[in-house]
């Protein structure tokens, strides 16, 4: 599969919604997280587990306050492929 970071819509969404996405990811649910999952083409049967995985690895994804959207996507990808 191609890297998430190469997906333009996904990049723009994360860049535009980093704070709201962080809030949803920390909760493990919410509309920003749902949109992320859809943009990432996560199969419906895997979405709940994916969201929980992101929630459980939040500190590995949002590693600093000055993180960039592309770093967030790279971190999400690392967390996902390490499953």
PDB file of N, CA and C in Angstrom:
ATOM      1  N   UNK A   1       0.831  -1.204   0.000  1.00  0.00           N
ATOM      2  CA  UNK A   1       0.000   0.000   0.000  1.00  0.00           C
ATOM      3  C   UNK A   1       0.868   1.257   0.000  1.00  0.00           C
ATOM      4  N   UNK A   2       0.365   2.296  -0.615  1.00  0.00           N
ATOM      5  CA  UNK A   2       1.140   3.529  -0.654  1.00  0.00           C
ATOM      6  C   UNK A   2       1.097   4.202   0.711  1.00  0.00           C
ATOM      7  N   UNK A   3       2.059   5.038   0.946  1.00  0.00           N
ATOM      8  CA  UNK A   3       2.171   5.726   2.223  1.00  0.00           C
ATOM      9  C   UNK A   3       1.012   6.695   2.419  1.00  0.00           C
ATOM     10  N   UNK A   4       0.530   6.793   3.651  1.00  0.00           N
ATOM     11  CA  UNK A   4      -0.545   7.733   3.960  1.00  0.00           C
ATOM     12  C   UNK A   4      -0.108   9.162   3.652  1.00  0.00           C
ATOM     13  N   UNK A   5       1.158   9.441   3.882  1.00  0.00           N
ATOM     14  CA  UNK A   5       1.667  10.805   3.730  1.00  0.00           C
ATOM     15  C   UNK A   5       1.584  11.294   2.286  1.00  0.00           C
ATOM     16  N   UNK A   6       1.445  10.367   1.333  1.00  0.00           N
ATOM     17  CA  UNK A   6       1.358  10.769  -0.072  1.00  0.00           C
ATOM     18  C   UNK A   6      -0.084  11.078  -0.497  1.00  0.00           C
ATOM     19  N   UNK A   7      -1.032  10.867   0.398  1.00  0.00           N
ATOM     20  CA  UNK A   7      -2.440  11.127   0.105  1.00  0.00           C
ATOM     21  C   UNK A   7      -2.755  12.595   0.387  1.00  0.00           C
ATOM     22  N   UNK A   8      -3.016  13.358  -0.673  1.00  0.00           N
ATOM     23  CA  UNK A   8      -3.191  14.801  -0.541  1.00  0.00           C
ATOM     24  C   UNK A   8      -4.386  15.200   0.331  1.00  0.00           C
ATOM     25  N   UNK A   9      -5.527  14.542   0.115  1.00  0.00           N
ATOM     26  CA  UNK A   9      -6.726  14.848   0.912  1.00  0.00           C
ATOM     27  C   UNK A   9      -6.464  14.573   2.392  1.00  0.00           C
ATOM     28  N   UNK A  10      -5.813  13.459   2.640  1.00  0.00           N
ATOM     29  CA  UNK A  10      -5.503  13.063   4.012  1.00  0.00           C
ATOM     30  C   UNK A  10      -4.552  14.072   4.653  1.00  0.00           C
ATOM     31  N   UNK A  11      -3.520  14.466   3.927  1.00  0.00           N
ATOM     32  CA  UNK A  11      -2.571  15.468   4.424  1.00  0.00           C
ATOM     33  C   UNK A  11      -3.269  16.767   4.781  1.00  0.00           C
ATOM     34  N   UNK A  12      -4.123  17.237   3.877  1.00  0.00           N
ATOM     35  CA  UNK A  12      -4.816  18.504   4.098  1.00  0.00           C
ATOM     36  C   UNK A  12      -5.744  18.392   5.304  1.00  0.00           C
ATOM     37  N   UNK A  13      -6.464  17.285   5.399  1.00  0.00           N
ATOM     38  CA  UNK A  13      -7.377  17.085   6.524  1.00  0.00           C
ATOM     39  C   UNK A  13      -6.622  17.127   7.855  1.00  0.00           C
ATOM     40  N   UNK A  14      -5.527  16.394   7.935  1.00  0.00           N
ATOM     41  CA  UNK A  14      -4.756  16.363   9.185  1.00  0.00           C
ATOM     42  C   UNK A  14      -4.175  17.747   9.483  1.00  0.00           C
ATOM     43  N   UNK A  15      -3.641  18.409   8.457  1.00  0.00           N
ATOM     44  CA  UNK A  15      -3.065  19.747   8.651  1.00  0.00           C
ATOM     45  C   UNK A  15      -4.110  20.733   9.150  1.00  0.00           C
ATOM     46  N   UNK A  16      -5.314  20.655   8.603  1.00  0.00           N
ATOM     47  CA  UNK A  16      -6.378  21.600   8.957  1.00  0.00           C
ATOM     48  C   UNK A  16      -7.042  21.283  10.300  1.00  0.00           C
ATOM     49  N   UNK A  17      -6.898  20.054  10.773  1.00  0.00           N
ATOM     50  CA  UNK A  17      -7.662  19.606  11.949  1.00  0.00           C
ATOM     51  C   UNK A  17      -6.813  18.950  13.039  1.00  0.00           C
ATOM     52  N   UNK A  18      -5.536  19.321  13.114  1.00  0.00           N
ATOM     53  CA  UNK A  18      -4.629  18.648  14.054  1.00  0.00           C
ATOM     54  C   UNK A  18      -5.133  18.658  15.500  1.00  0.00           C
ATOM     55  N   UNK A  19      -5.635  19.805  15.961  1.00  0.00           N
ATOM     56  CA  UNK A  19      -6.068  19.905  17.354  1.00  0.00           C
ATOM     57  C   UNK A  19      -7.330  19.088  17.623  1.00  0.00           C
ATOM     58  N   UNK A  20      -8.324  19.231  16.735  1.00  0.00           N
ATOM     59  CA  UNK A  20      -9.564  18.465  16.905  1.00  0.00           C
ATOM     60  C   UNK A  20      -9.302  16.970  16.776  1.00  0.00           C
ATOM     61  N   UNK A  21      -8.417  16.615  15.871  1.00  0.00           N
ATOM     62  CA  UNK A  21      -8.076  15.212  15.689  1.00  0.00           C
ATOM     63  C   UNK A  21      -7.397  14.658  16.946  1.00  0.00           C
ATOM     64  N   UNK A  22      -6.545  15.461  17.553  1.00  0.00           N
ATOM     65  CA  UNK A  22      -5.877  15.040  18.791  1.00  0.00           C
ATOM     66  C   UNK A  22      -6.903  14.760  19.889  1.00  0.00           C
ATOM     67  N   UNK A  23      -7.898  15.630  19.995  1.00  0.00           N
ATOM     68  CA  UNK A  23      -8.937  15.462  21.018  1.00  0.00           C
ATOM     69  C   UNK A  23      -9.707  14.164  20.783  1.00  0.00           C
ATOM     70  N   UNK A  24     -10.120  13.941  19.520  1.00  0.00           N
ATOM     71  CA  UNK A  24     -10.862  12.719  19.184  1.00  0.00           C
ATOM     72  C   UNK A  24     -10.000  11.477  19.390  1.00  0.00           C
ATOM     73  N   UNK A  25      -8.738  11.559  18.985  1.00  0.00           N
ATOM     74  CA  UNK A  25      -7.854  10.405  19.106  1.00  0.00           C
ATOM     75  C   UNK A  25      -7.649  10.044  20.573  1.00  0.00           C
ATOM     76  N   UNK A  26      -7.528  11.049  21.409  1.00  0.00           N
ATOM     77  CA  UNK A  26      -7.359  10.800  22.838  1.00  0.00           C
ATOM     78  C   UNK A  26      -8.602  10.131  23.431  1.00  0.00           C
ATOM     79  N   UNK A  27      -9.785  10.469  22.884  1.00  0.00           N
ATOM     80  CA  UNK A  27     -11.050   9.868  23.345  1.00  0.00           C
ATOM     81  C   UNK A  27     -11.282   8.502  22.698  1.00  0.00           C
ATOM     82  N   UNK A  28     -10.665   8.290  21.531  1.00  0.00           N
ATOM     83  CA  UNK A  28     -10.885   7.037  20.803  1.00  0.00           C
ATOM     84  C   UNK A  28     -12.130   7.061  19.941  1.00  0.00           C
ATOM     85  N   UNK A  29     -12.747   8.253  19.814  1.00  0.00           N
ATOM     86  CA  UNK A  29     -13.931   8.365  18.960  1.00  0.00           C
ATOM     87  C   UNK A  29     -14.205   9.831  18.644  1.00  0.00           C
ATOM     88  N   UNK A  30     -15.063  10.043  17.638  1.00  0.00           N
ATOM     89  CA  UNK A  30     -15.444  11.394  17.262  1.00  0.00           C
ATOM     90  C   UNK A  30     -15.416  11.576  15.757  1.00  0.00           C
ATOM     91  N   UNK A  31     -16.027  12.669  15.297  1.00  0.00           N
ATOM     92  CA  UNK A  31     -16.173  12.849  13.852  1.00  0.00           C
ATOM     93  C   UNK A  31     -14.838  13.053  13.134  1.00  0.00           C
ATOM     94  N   UNK A  32     -13.869  13.703  13.783  1.00  0.00           N
ATOM     95  CA  UNK A  32     -12.578  13.920  13.120  1.00  0.00           C
ATOM     96  C   UNK A  32     -11.836  12.596  12.958  1.00  0.00           C
ATOM     97  N   UNK A  33     -11.911  11.778  13.990  1.00  0.00           N
ATOM     98  CA  UNK A  33     -11.282  10.461  13.925  1.00  0.00           C
ATOM     99  C   UNK A  33     -11.970   9.590  12.876  1.00  0.00           C
ATOM    100  N   UNK A  34     -13.300   9.658  12.812  1.00  0.00           N
ATOM    101  CA  UNK A  34     -14.044   8.889  11.804  1.00  0.00           C
ATOM    102  C   UNK A  34     -13.649   9.313  10.390  1.00  0.00           C
ATOM    103  N   UNK A  35     -13.524  10.620  10.182  1.00  0.00           N
ATOM    104  CA  UNK A  35     -13.134  11.127   8.864  1.00  0.00           C
ATOM    105  C   UNK A  35     -11.729  10.654   8.516  1.00  0.00           C
ATOM    106  N   UNK A  36     -10.821  10.696   9.486  1.00  0.00           N
ATOM    107  CA  UNK A  36      -9.448  10.219   9.265  1.00  0.00           C
ATOM    108  C   UNK A  36      -9.456   8.766   8.795  1.00  0.00           C
ATOM    109  N   UNK A  37     -10.208   7.943   9.498  1.00  0.00           N
ATOM    110  CA  UNK A  37     -10.283   6.512   9.188  1.00  0.00           C
ATOM    111  C   UNK A  37     -10.819   6.291   7.769  1.00  0.00           C
ATOM    112  N   UNK A  38     -11.829   7.063   7.385  1.00  0.00           N
ATOM    113  CA  UNK A  38     -12.396   6.952   6.035  1.00  0.00           C
ATOM    114  C   UNK A  38     -11.377   7.393   4.985  1.00  0.00           C
ATOM    115  N   UNK A  39     -10.712   8.519   5.228  1.00  0.00           N
ATOM    116  CA  UNK A  39      -9.702   9.010   4.279  1.00  0.00           C
ATOM    117  C   UNK A  39      -8.525   8.040   4.142  1.00  0.00           C
ATOM    118  N   UNK A  40      -8.280   7.274   5.197  1.00  0.00           N
ATOM    119  CA  UNK A  40      -7.179   6.309   5.164  1.00  0.00           C
ATOM    120  C   UNK A  40      -7.597   4.978   4.544  1.00  0.00           C
ATOM    121  N   UNK A  41      -8.866   4.873   4.133  1.00  0.00           N
ATOM    122  CA  UNK A  41      -9.376   3.637   3.532  1.00  0.00           C
ATOM    123  C   UNK A  41      -9.259   2.425   4.456  1.00  0.00           C
ATOM    124  N   UNK A  42      -9.470   2.642   5.733  1.00  0.00           N
ATOM    125  CA  UNK A  42      -9.467   1.515   6.670  1.00  0.00           C
ATOM    126  C   UNK A  42     -10.783   0.759   6.473  1.00  0.00           C
ATOM    127  N   UNK A  43     -10.718  -0.563   6.234  1.00  0.00           N
ATOM    128  CA  UNK A  43     -11.961  -1.332   6.040  1.00  0.00           C
ATOM    129  C   UNK A  43     -12.882  -1.194   7.260  1.00  0.00           C
ATOM    130  N   UNK A  44     -14.173  -1.155   6.994  1.00  0.00           N
ATOM    131  CA  UNK A  44     -15.145  -0.908   8.063  1.00  0.00           C
ATOM    132  C   UNK A  44     -14.978  -1.865   9.246  1.00  0.00           C
ATOM    133  N   UNK A  45     -14.682  -3.135   8.968  1.00  0.00           N
ATOM    134  CA  UNK A  45     -14.558  -4.108  10.058  1.00  0.00           C
ATOM    135  C   UNK A  45     -13.345  -3.823  10.954  1.00  0.00           C
ATOM    136  N   UNK A  46     -12.377  -3.048  10.465  1.00  0.00           N
ATOM    137  CA  UNK A  46     -11.163  -2.768  11.243  1.00  0.00           C
ATOM    138  C   UNK A  46     -11.202  -1.405  11.923  1.00  0.00           C
ATOM    139  N   UNK A  47     -12.235  -0.602  11.659  1.00  0.00           N
ATOM    140  CA  UNK A  47     -12.230   0.797  12.105  1.00  0.00           C
ATOM    141  C   UNK A  47     -12.227   0.959  13.618  1.00  0.00           C
ATOM    142  N   UNK A  48     -13.043   0.185  14.316  1.00  0.00           N
ATOM    143  CA  UNK A  48     -13.104   0.315  15.780  1.00  0.00           C
ATOM    144  C   UNK A  48     -11.747  -0.036  16.393  1.00  0.00           C
ATOM    145  N   UNK A  49     -11.161  -1.120  15.915  1.00  0.00           N
ATOM    146  CA  UNK A  49      -9.850  -1.535  16.423  1.00  0.00           C
ATOM    147  C   UNK A  49      -8.768  -0.525  16.093  1.00  0.00           C
ATOM    148  N   UNK A  50      -8.859   0.033  14.899  1.00  0.00           N
ATOM    149  CA  UNK A  50      -7.890   1.048  14.474  1.00  0.00           C
ATOM    150  C   UNK A  50      -7.979   2.275  15.377  1.00  0.00           C
ATOM    151  N   UNK A  51      -9.192   2.742  15.629  1.00  0.00           N
ATOM    152  CA  UNK A  51      -9.399   3.907  16.495  1.00  0.00           C
ATOM    153  C   UNK A  51      -8.861   3.655  17.897  1.00  0.00           C
ATOM    154  N   UNK A  52      -9.123   2.458  18.422  1.00  0.00           N
ATOM    155  CA  UNK A  52      -8.627   2.091  19.756  1.00  0.00           C
ATOM    156  C   UNK A  52      -7.097   2.043  19.755  1.00  0.00           C
ATOM    157  N   UNK A  53      -6.526   1.536  18.665  1.00  0.00           N
ATOM    158  CA  UNK A  53      -5.066   1.441  18.565  1.00  0.00           C
ATOM    159  C   UNK A  53      -4.445   2.842  18.568  1.00  0.00           C
ATOM    160  N   UNK A  54      -5.062   3.765  17.834  1.00  0.00           N
ATOM    161  CA  UNK A  54      -4.560   5.141  17.822  1.00  0.00           C
ATOM    162  C   UNK A  54      -4.693   5.753  19.215  1.00  0.00           C
ATOM    163  N   UNK A  55      -5.816   5.500  19.869  1.00  0.00           N
ATOM    164  CA  UNK A  55      -6.023   6.029  21.215  1.00  0.00           C
ATOM    165  C   UNK A  55      -4.955   5.485  22.168  1.00  0.00           C
ATOM    166  N   UNK A  56      -4.697   4.194  22.078  1.00  0.00           N
ATOM    167  CA  UNK A  56      -3.720   3.558  22.962  1.00  0.00           C
ATOM    168  C   UNK A  56      -2.286   3.995  22.695  1.00  0.00           C
ATOM    169  N   UNK A  57      -2.037   4.486  21.494  1.00  0.00           N
ATOM    170  CA  UNK A  57      -0.690   4.918  21.118  1.00  0.00           C
ATOM    171  C   UNK A  57      -0.605   6.426  20.907  1.00  0.00           C
ATOM    172  N   UNK A  58      -1.522   7.145  21.526  1.00  0.00           N
ATOM    173  CA  UNK A  58      -1.615   8.594  21.326  1.00  0.00           C
ATOM    174  C   UNK A  58      -0.268   9.302  21.505  1.00  0.00           C
ATOM    175  N   UNK A  59       0.451   8.943  22.566  1.00  0.00           N
ATOM    176  CA  UNK A  59       1.717   9.631  22.858  1.00  0.00           C
ATOM    177  C   UNK A  59       2.803   9.315  21.829  1.00  0.00           C
ATOM    178  N   UNK A  60       2.621   8.223  21.082  1.00  0.00           N
ATOM    179  CA  UNK A  60       3.571   7.895  20.007  1.00  0.00           C
ATOM    180  C   UNK A  60       3.222   8.631  18.719  1.00  0.00           C
ATOM    181  N   UNK A  61       1.995   9.133  18.636  1.00  0.00           N
ATOM    182  CA  UNK A  61       1.531   9.823  17.426  1.00  0.00           C
ATOM    183  C   UNK A  61       1.723  11.327  17.569  1.00  0.00           C
ATOM    184  N   UNK A  62       1.201  11.877  18.647  1.00  0.00           N
ATOM    185  CA  UNK A  62       1.406  13.305  18.935  1.00  0.00           C
ATOM    186  C   UNK A  62       2.586  13.398  19.903  1.00  0.00           C
ATOM    187  N   UNK A  63       3.783  13.440  19.339  1.00  0.00           N
ATOM    188  CA  UNK A  63       4.997  13.341  20.152  1.00  0.00           C
ATOM    189  C   UNK A  63       5.456  14.669  20.738  1.00  0.00           C
ATOM    190  N   UNK A  64       4.981  15.783  20.194  1.00  0.00           N
ATOM    191  CA  UNK A  64       5.357  17.084  20.749  1.00  0.00           C
ATOM    192  C   UNK A  64       4.323  18.121  20.348  1.00  0.00           C
ATOM    193  N   UNK A  65       4.362  19.277  20.991  1.00  0.00           N
ATOM    194  CA  UNK A  65       3.405  20.331  20.664  1.00  0.00           C
ATOM    195  C   UNK A  65       3.714  20.983  19.327  1.00  0.00           C
ATOM    196  N   UNK A  66       4.938  20.814  18.848  1.00  0.00           N
ATOM    197  CA  UNK A  66       5.332  21.448  17.585  1.00  0.00           C
ATOM    198  C   UNK A  66       5.342  20.461  16.417  1.00  0.00           C
ATOM    199  N   UNK A  67       4.649  19.345  16.594  1.00  0.00           N
ATOM    200  CA  UNK A  67       4.627  18.311  15.559  1.00  0.00           C
ATOM    201  C   UNK A  67       3.926  18.820  14.293  1.00  0.00           C
ATOM    202  N   UNK A  68       4.373  18.313  13.144  1.00  0.00           N
ATOM    203  CA  UNK A  68       3.745  18.684  11.874  1.00  0.00           C
ATOM    204  C   UNK A  68       2.734  17.613  11.466  1.00  0.00           C
ATOM    205  N   UNK A  69       1.851  17.978  10.546  1.00  0.00           N
ATOM    206  CA  UNK A  69       0.837  17.020  10.096  1.00  0.00           C
ATOM    207  C   UNK A  69       1.472  15.814   9.416  1.00  0.00           C
ATOM    208  N   UNK A  70       2.547  16.022   8.675  1.00  0.00           N
ATOM    209  CA  UNK A  70       3.174  14.868   8.012  1.00  0.00           C
ATOM    210  C   UNK A  70       3.846  13.946   9.034  1.00  0.00           C
ATOM    211  N   UNK A  71       4.373  14.509  10.118  1.00  0.00           N
ATOM    212  CA  UNK A  71       4.932  13.657  11.184  1.00  0.00           C
ATOM    213  C   UNK A  71       3.824  12.856  11.856  1.00  0.00           C
ATOM    214  N   UNK A  72       2.671  13.492  12.048  1.00  0.00           N
ATOM    215  CA  UNK A  72       1.532  12.785  12.639  1.00  0.00           C
ATOM    216  C   UNK A  72       1.152  11.595  11.753  1.00  0.00           C
ATOM    217  N   UNK A  73       1.072  11.832  10.450  1.00  0.00           N
ATOM    218  CA  UNK A  73       0.708  10.746   9.524  1.00  0.00           C
ATOM    219  C   UNK A  73       1.757   9.639   9.525  1.00  0.00           C
ATOM    220  N   UNK A  74       3.016  10.004   9.544  1.00  0.00           N
ATOM    221  CA  UNK A  74       4.079   8.993   9.598  1.00  0.00           C
ATOM    222  C   UNK A  74       3.973   8.182  10.884  1.00  0.00           C
ATOM    223  N   UNK A  75       3.672   8.855  11.998  1.00  0.00           N
ATOM    224  CA  UNK A  75       3.538   8.164  13.277  1.00  0.00           C
ATOM    225  C   UNK A  75       2.322   7.239  13.293  1.00  0.00           C
ATOM    226  N   UNK A  76       1.214   7.696  12.699  1.00  0.00           N
ATOM    227  CA  UNK A  76       0.021   6.849  12.600  1.00  0.00           C
ATOM    228  C   UNK A  76       0.361   5.593  11.794  1.00  0.00           C
ATOM    229  N   UNK A  77       1.064   5.802  10.693  1.00  0.00           N
ATOM    230  CA  UNK A  77       1.445   4.683   9.844  1.00  0.00           C
ATOM    231  C   UNK A  77       2.339   3.689  10.592  1.00  0.00           C
ATOM    232  N   UNK A  78       3.298   4.211  11.358  1.00  0.00           N
ATOM    233  CA  UNK A  78       4.180   3.341  12.145  1.00  0.00           C
ATOM    234  C   UNK A  78       3.405   2.518  13.157  1.00  0.00           C
ATOM    235  N   UNK A  79       2.469   3.166  13.853  1.00  0.00           N
ATOM    236  CA  UNK A  79       1.648   2.487  14.838  1.00  0.00           C
ATOM    237  C   UNK A  79       0.802   1.408  14.177  1.00  0.00           C
ATOM    238  N   UNK A  80       0.226   1.734  13.019  1.00  0.00           N
ATOM    239  CA  UNK A  80      -0.662   0.805  12.331  1.00  0.00           C
ATOM    240  C   UNK A  80       0.088  -0.412  11.802  1.00  0.00           C
ATOM    241  N   UNK A  81       1.227  -0.188  11.159  1.00  0.00           N
ATOM    242  CA  UNK A  81       1.943  -1.325  10.573  1.00  0.00           C
ATOM    243  C   UNK A  81       2.644  -2.178  11.621  1.00  0.00           C
ATOM    244  N   UNK A  82       2.835  -1.646  12.805  1.00  0.00           N
ATOM    245  CA  UNK A  82       3.474  -2.440  13.857  1.00  0.00           C
ATOM    246  C   UNK A  82       2.483  -3.345  14.576  1.00  0.00           C
ATOM    247  N   UNK A  83       1.241  -3.389  14.086  1.00  0.00           N
ATOM    248  CA  UNK A  83       0.237  -4.222  14.751  1.00  0.00           C
ATOM    249  C   UNK A  83       0.348  -5.676  14.332  1.00  0.00           C
TER     250      UNK A  83
END
